[in-house]
Amino acid sequence: MQKAKILRGMTSDGSARILVINSTSIVDDAIRIHNTTPTASAALGRTLTAASLMGTMLGEENDTISLSIRGDGPAGGVLASADYFGNVKGYIINPDVDIPKKSNGKLDVSGAIGHGKLNIIRSMGTGEPYVGTVDLVSGEIAEDIAAYYANSEQIPTVCALGVLVDVDYSCRAAGGVLIQLLPFAAPETVDAIEANVPALSNVSRLFDSGMSNKEIADLALSGIEYDVFDELEVGYVCDCSRERSEKVLLSLGREELENLIREKKDAGESPDIEMSCHFCDKKYNFTEAEILKLIEEAESKKGKK
């Protein structure tokens, strides 16, 4: 499958910047990995789409950004994390969430999410990460992202996100648009952007119709001169590894690991411990001998310091 693409541009008068992504391939990968129902696919897909866009606005190559949505609905919560390049990964706590569609026939993402909080976590590579938290205003994700920027960062923002699930539960089309006003934005540009917002009300259908990122940017900025900076290739990328799983195991400590192995043996089970990645579902298996060796090596290194 082709990589997802993000268009980045700015109005010629410096009033606003625009990001447009066709995230169909990203969302389809997430559906395949997590085996989500259509409603879960829409909730996770919108969050992944937003995180990818927001990742490309980070300042340094080692920075990351995470969106954590915790609601009281049956979805349980959604997490998506993106890097500086826009590559993204994520998961939904309950991938089997299945609730009736809305009266208009659309998937009820807000019903699946419920009431709760949106947390935005920026890790800058040095010191404590920055965490911003706002109440969910709708649970539809796009409105919540816009509310976060308006309330936490005082940046007027237009956010449109959409996921269209096909009859075979794959992603038929997905994408998003993010427009942010910059300081001292020209009033006429602001008015034009506001007038164009209704055209983005069903952004997944725009992508499904075959429109390109540029054509959708033209629609969002109709009547406004703008320049395209670049178009990035991004994807669903997980950076898990056996080494990271080893560190998680070791963080439990010798006593906890030995108790876990003992309990498994007493229950007549294999003492092996399997670690599974939440983001890509890749599994790492550790035998009893490997676990004990890891403990010994870690304690030996600690003793030498």
Protein backbone atom coordinates (compact mmCIF):
# COMPACT_ATOMS: atom_id res chain seq x y z
CA MET A 1 0.00 0.00 0.00
CA GLN A 2 1.15 3.54 -0.72
CA LYS A 3 2.42 5.73 2.09
CA ALA A 4 0.18 8.42 3.52
CA LYS A 5 1.03 11.99 2.49
CA ILE A 6 0.87 15.28 4.36
CA LEU A 7 0.76 18.59 2.50
CA ARG A 8 2.07 21.61 4.40
CA GLY A 9 1.47 25.17 3.31
CA MET A 10 0.90 28.76 4.41
CA THR A 11 -1.21 31.63 3.17
CA SER A 12 0.80 34.15 1.16
CA ASP A 13 0.02 36.91 3.67
CA GLY A 14 1.35 34.82 6.59
CA SER A 15 -2.05 34.70 8.29
CA ALA A 16 -2.46 30.93 8.56
CA ARG A 17 -0.82 27.58 7.99
CA ILE A 18 -2.53 24.50 6.62
CA LEU A 19 -1.86 20.78 6.88
CA VAL A 20 -3.73 18.18 4.84
CA ILE A 21 -3.29 14.42 5.14
CA ASN A 22 -4.67 11.46 3.24
CA SER A 23 -4.32 8.92 6.05
CA THR A 24 -6.14 6.01 4.41
CA SER A 25 -3.11 3.70 4.47
CA ILE A 26 -2.33 4.54 8.12
CA VAL A 27 -5.87 3.82 9.28
CA ASP A 28 -6.06 0.64 7.21
CA ASP A 29 -2.85 -0.61 8.84
CA ALA A 30 -4.29 0.15 12.28
CA ILE A 31 -7.51 -1.71 11.47
CA ARG A 32 -5.54 -4.75 10.34
CA ILE A 33 -3.28 -4.75 13.40
CA HIS A 34 -5.98 -4.16 16.02
CA ASN A 35 -8.92 -5.92 14.29
CA THR A 36 -11.27 -3.06 15.12
CA THR A 37 -15.01 -2.75 14.66
CA PRO A 38 -16.15 0.13 12.39
CA THR A 39 -16.83 2.47 15.32
CA ALA A 40 -13.47 1.68 16.92
CA SER A 41 -11.80 2.14 13.52
CA ALA A 42 -13.30 5.62 13.22
CA ALA A 43 -12.28 6.65 16.74
CA LEU A 44 -8.74 5.30 16.43
CA GLY A 45 -8.36 6.47 12.83
CA ARG A 46 -9.33 10.05 13.60
CA THR A 47 -6.92 10.15 16.56
CA LEU A 48 -4.05 8.73 14.50
CA THR A 49 -4.77 11.23 11.73
CA ALA A 50 -4.70 14.17 14.13
CA ALA A 51 -1.52 12.97 15.85
CA SER A 52 0.29 12.60 12.53
CA LEU A 53 -0.59 16.16 11.55
CA MET A 54 0.44 17.52 14.94
CA GLY A 55 3.72 15.60 14.85
CA THR A 56 4.87 17.54 11.81
CA MET A 57 4.58 20.77 13.81
CA LEU A 58 7.13 19.66 16.43
CA GLY A 59 10.34 21.66 16.67
CA GLU A 60 13.13 19.07 16.85
CA GLU A 61 13.77 15.66 15.26
CA ASN A 62 13.78 13.83 18.60
CA ASP A 63 10.49 15.34 19.77
CA THR A 64 7.32 13.27 20.00
CA ILE A 65 3.68 14.06 20.67
CA SER A 66 0.97 11.81 22.10
CA LEU A 67 -2.81 12.22 22.18
CA SER A 68 -4.52 10.38 25.02
CA ILE A 69 -8.31 10.36 25.07
CA ARG A 70 -9.93 8.96 28.20
CA GLY A 71 -13.70 8.86 28.24
CA ASP A 72 -16.42 7.06 30.16
CA GLY A 73 -17.82 5.45 27.01
CA PRO A 74 -17.42 1.80 25.94
CA ALA A 75 -14.31 2.55 23.83
CA GLY A 76 -12.40 2.94 27.09
CA GLY A 77 -9.85 5.32 25.64
CA VAL A 78 -7.61 5.96 22.64
CA LEU A 79 -3.89 6.70 22.43
CA ALA A 80 -1.87 7.85 19.42
CA SER A 81 1.78 8.90 19.33
CA ALA A 82 3.62 10.63 16.48
CA ASP A 83 7.18 11.68 15.78
CA TYR A 84 8.61 14.84 14.22
CA PHE A 85 8.23 13.37 10.73
CA GLY A 86 4.53 12.53 11.16
CA ASN A 87 4.93 8.77 11.52
CA VAL A 88 2.35 7.52 13.97
CA LYS A 89 1.19 4.53 16.04
CA GLY A 90 -1.71 3.96 18.39
CA TYR A 91 -4.34 1.72 19.92
CA ILE A 92 -7.86 1.75 21.34
CA ILE A 93 -8.51 0.05 24.67
CA ASN A 94 -11.68 -1.69 23.46
CA PRO A 95 -11.27 -2.52 19.76
CA ASP A 96 -14.55 -4.46 19.87
CA VAL A 97 -16.74 -1.50 20.81
CA ASP A 98 -19.96 -1.74 18.82
CA ILE A 99 -22.82 0.72 19.32
CA PRO A 100 -25.69 1.74 17.02
CA LYS A 101 -25.06 4.37 14.37
CA LYS A 102 -26.38 7.90 14.74
CA SER A 103 -29.77 8.81 13.29
CA ASN A 104 -27.97 10.32 10.28
CA GLY A 105 -26.31 6.97 9.54
CA LYS A 106 -22.83 8.01 10.70
CA LEU A 107 -20.69 6.01 13.13
CA ASP A 108 -21.24 7.22 16.69
CA VAL A 109 -17.68 8.03 17.75
CA SER A 110 -18.80 10.46 20.46
CA GLY A 111 -21.05 7.78 21.95
CA ALA A 112 -18.15 5.32 22.01
CA ILE A 113 -15.79 7.85 23.63
CA GLY A 114 -18.21 9.46 26.09
CA HIS A 115 -17.28 12.27 28.47
CA GLY A 116 -13.73 12.67 29.68
CA LYS A 117 -10.38 14.31 29.03
CA LEU A 118 -8.01 14.92 26.15
CA ASN A 119 -4.34 14.93 27.16
CA ILE A 120 -1.64 16.21 24.81
CA ILE A 121 1.85 15.10 25.85
CA ARG A 122 4.88 16.65 24.17
CA SER A 123 8.23 14.99 24.86
CA MET A 124 11.11 17.29 23.94
CA GLY A 125 13.93 14.87 24.71
CA THR A 126 15.11 16.93 27.68
CA GLY A 127 13.45 17.26 31.07
CA GLU A 128 9.83 16.58 31.90
CA PRO A 129 7.33 16.37 29.04
CA TYR A 130 4.77 19.12 28.58
CA VAL A 131 1.23 17.95 29.31
CA GLY A 132 -1.88 19.87 28.35
CA THR A 133 -5.33 18.69 29.42
CA VAL A 134 -8.82 19.80 28.39
CA ASP A 135 -12.29 18.40 28.85
CA LEU A 136 -13.71 16.68 25.79
CA VAL A 137 -16.23 18.99 24.18
CA SER A 138 -17.85 16.39 21.95
CA GLY A 139 -15.84 13.16 21.79
CA GLU A 140 -15.80 13.49 18.00
CA ILE A 141 -12.01 14.12 18.17
CA ALA A 142 -11.75 17.00 15.63
CA GLU A 143 -13.75 19.42 17.78
CA ASP A 144 -11.75 18.34 20.81
CA ILE A 145 -8.43 19.04 19.05
CA ALA A 146 -9.64 22.51 18.04
CA ALA A 147 -10.82 23.19 21.61
CA TYR A 148 -7.43 22.11 22.98
CA TYR A 149 -5.55 24.58 20.78
CA ALA A 150 -8.02 27.38 21.54
CA ASN A 151 -8.06 26.87 25.32
CA SER A 152 -4.55 25.59 26.12
CA GLU A 153 -2.43 27.37 23.51
CA GLN A 154 -4.71 30.25 22.49
CA ILE A 155 -4.34 29.32 18.81
CA PRO A 156 -7.57 29.57 16.76
CA THR A 157 -7.72 26.27 14.88
CA VAL A 158 -9.90 24.54 12.33
CA CYS A 159 -9.72 20.74 12.49
CA ALA A 160 -11.57 18.32 10.23
CA LEU A 161 -11.08 14.56 10.52
CA GLY A 162 -12.84 11.65 8.87
CA VAL A 163 -12.73 7.89 8.46
CA LEU A 164 -14.87 5.99 5.98
CA VAL A 165 -15.08 2.26 6.73
CA ASP A 166 -15.83 -0.09 3.83
CA VAL A 167 -18.26 -3.03 3.87
CA ASP A 168 -15.37 -5.44 4.50
CA TYR A 169 -14.33 -3.31 7.54
CA SER A 170 -11.18 -2.03 5.80
CA CYS A 171 -10.53 1.70 5.52
CA ARG A 172 -12.08 3.02 2.34
CA ALA A 173 -10.88 6.58 2.89
CA ALA A 174 -9.50 8.68 5.74
CA GLY A 175 -7.91 12.06 6.13
CA GLY A 176 -7.77 15.35 7.89
CA VAL A 177 -7.24 19.09 7.59
CA LEU A 178 -5.71 21.37 10.20
CA ILE A 179 -5.67 25.15 9.75
CA GLN A 180 -4.17 27.45 12.36
CA LEU A 181 -4.25 31.21 12.47
CA LEU A 182 -0.90 32.89 13.07
CA PRO A 183 -0.32 36.09 15.08
CA PHE A 184 -1.72 39.26 13.47
CA ALA A 185 -3.78 37.33 10.92
CA ALA A 186 -5.49 39.55 8.37
CA PRO A 187 -9.25 39.87 9.14
CA GLU A 188 -10.20 39.22 5.51
CA THR A 189 -8.22 35.95 5.52
CA VAL A 190 -9.88 34.89 8.77
CA ASP A 191 -13.31 35.64 7.29
CA ALA A 192 -12.53 33.63 4.15
CA ILE A 193 -11.35 30.62 6.15
CA GLU A 194 -14.49 30.70 8.29
CA ALA A 195 -16.63 30.82 5.14
CA ASN A 196 -14.85 27.74 3.77
CA VAL A 197 -15.19 25.57 6.90
CA PRO A 198 -18.57 24.01 5.93
CA ALA A 199 -16.94 22.53 2.79
CA LEU A 200 -14.80 20.34 5.09
CA SER A 201 -17.73 18.85 7.03
CA ASN A 202 -17.25 15.39 5.45
CA VAL A 203 -13.54 15.24 4.70
CA SER A 204 -13.40 11.44 4.29
CA ARG A 205 -15.92 11.68 1.45
CA LEU A 206 -13.73 14.27 -0.25
CA PHE A 207 -10.81 11.84 -0.22
CA ASP A 208 -13.09 9.00 -1.28
CA SER A 209 -14.16 11.03 -4.30
CA GLY A 210 -10.54 11.03 -5.45
CA MET A 211 -9.56 14.54 -4.43
CA SER A 212 -5.84 15.09 -3.77
CA ASN A 213 -4.34 16.87 -0.79
CA LYS A 214 -3.78 19.92 -2.97
CA GLU A 215 -7.39 19.96 -4.19
CA ILE A 216 -8.66 19.76 -0.62
CA ALA A 217 -6.27 22.54 0.43
CA ASP A 218 -7.64 24.60 -2.47
CA LEU A 219 -11.14 23.98 -1.13
CA ALA A 220 -10.20 24.88 2.45
CA LEU A 221 -8.44 28.07 1.32
CA SER A 222 -10.77 29.01 -1.51
CA GLY A 223 -10.30 32.68 -2.37
CA ILE A 224 -7.00 32.85 -0.45
CA GLU A 225 -3.55 32.82 -2.01
CA TYR A 226 -1.25 30.26 -0.40
CA ASP A 227 2.04 28.47 -0.97
CA VAL A 228 2.75 24.75 -0.57
CA PHE A 229 5.97 24.13 1.37
CA ASP A 230 6.26 20.38 0.95
CA GLU A 231 4.45 17.04 0.96
CA LEU A 232 5.76 14.42 3.39
CA GLU A 233 5.43 10.64 3.20
CA VAL A 234 4.37 9.17 6.53
CA GLY A 235 3.10 5.84 7.81
CA TYR A 236 2.00 3.67 10.71
CA VAL A 237 5.36 2.96 12.32
CA CYS A 238 6.04 1.13 15.60
CA ASP A 239 9.52 1.31 17.11
CA CYS A 240 9.11 -1.51 19.63
CA SER A 241 11.99 -3.97 20.05
CA ARG A 242 13.10 -6.95 22.10
CA GLU A 243 15.52 -4.67 23.94
CA ARG A 244 12.69 -2.39 25.07
CA SER A 245 10.69 -5.43 26.22
CA GLU A 246 13.71 -6.56 28.23
CA LYS A 247 13.80 -3.20 30.01
CA VAL A 248 10.10 -3.46 30.86
CA LEU A 249 10.66 -6.93 32.31
CA LEU A 250 13.65 -5.80 34.36
CA SER A 251 11.67 -2.87 35.74
CA LEU A 252 9.54 -5.42 37.63
CA GLY A 253 12.55 -6.47 39.70
CA ARG A 254 13.98 -9.87 40.58
CA GLU A 255 11.44 -10.73 43.29
CA GLU A 256 8.40 -9.97 41.14
CA LEU A 257 9.77 -11.90 38.15
CA GLU A 258 10.73 -14.93 40.24
CA ASN A 259 7.27 -14.93 41.87
CA LEU A 260 5.65 -14.75 38.44
CA ILE A 261 7.70 -17.68 37.15
CA ARG A 262 6.92 -19.68 40.30
CA GLU A 263 3.18 -19.01 40.04
CA LYS A 264 3.14 -20.13 36.40
CA LYS A 265 4.94 -23.37 37.30
CA ASP A 266 2.61 -24.03 40.25
CA ALA A 267 -0.35 -23.60 37.88
CA GLY A 268 1.16 -26.18 35.52
CA GLU A 269 1.91 -23.53 32.89
CA SER A 270 5.07 -22.83 30.95
CA PRO A 271 7.35 -20.44 32.88
CA ASP A 272 7.97 -18.45 29.70
CA ILE A 273 6.81 -14.83 29.73
CA GLU A 274 5.36 -13.27 26.59
CA MET A 275 5.46 -9.51 26.08
CA SER A 276 3.03 -8.02 23.57
CA CYS A 277 3.29 -4.54 22.05
CA HIS A 278 0.10 -2.51 22.44
CA PHE A 279 0.80 -0.60 19.25
CA CYS A 280 1.65 -3.31 16.70
CA ASP A 281 0.71 -6.54 18.53
CA LYS A 282 4.19 -7.95 17.99
CA LYS A 283 5.07 -10.54 20.61
CA TYR A 284 8.39 -11.17 22.36
CA ASN A 285 8.84 -14.46 24.20
CA PHE A 286 11.31 -14.88 27.08
CA THR A 287 12.19 -18.29 28.54
CA GLU A 288 12.88 -18.78 32.22
CA ALA A 289 16.60 -19.13 31.49
CA GLU A 290 16.62 -15.90 29.44
CA ILE A 291 14.82 -13.98 32.19
CA LEU A 292 17.19 -15.18 34.92
CA LYS A 293 20.17 -14.33 32.71
CA LEU A 294 18.82 -10.81 32.14
CA ILE A 295 18.43 -10.33 35.89
CA GLU A 296 21.97 -11.51 36.58
CA GLU A 297 23.44 -9.27 33.87
CA ALA A 298 21.49 -6.23 35.08
CA GLU A 299 22.53 -6.78 38.70
CA SER A 300 26.13 -7.33 37.64
CA LYS A 301 26.19 -4.02 35.73
CA LYS A 302 24.57 -2.27 38.67
CA GLY A 303 27.19 -3.68 41.03
CA LYS A 304 30.04 -2.37 38.91
CA LYS A 305 28.83 1.21 39.04
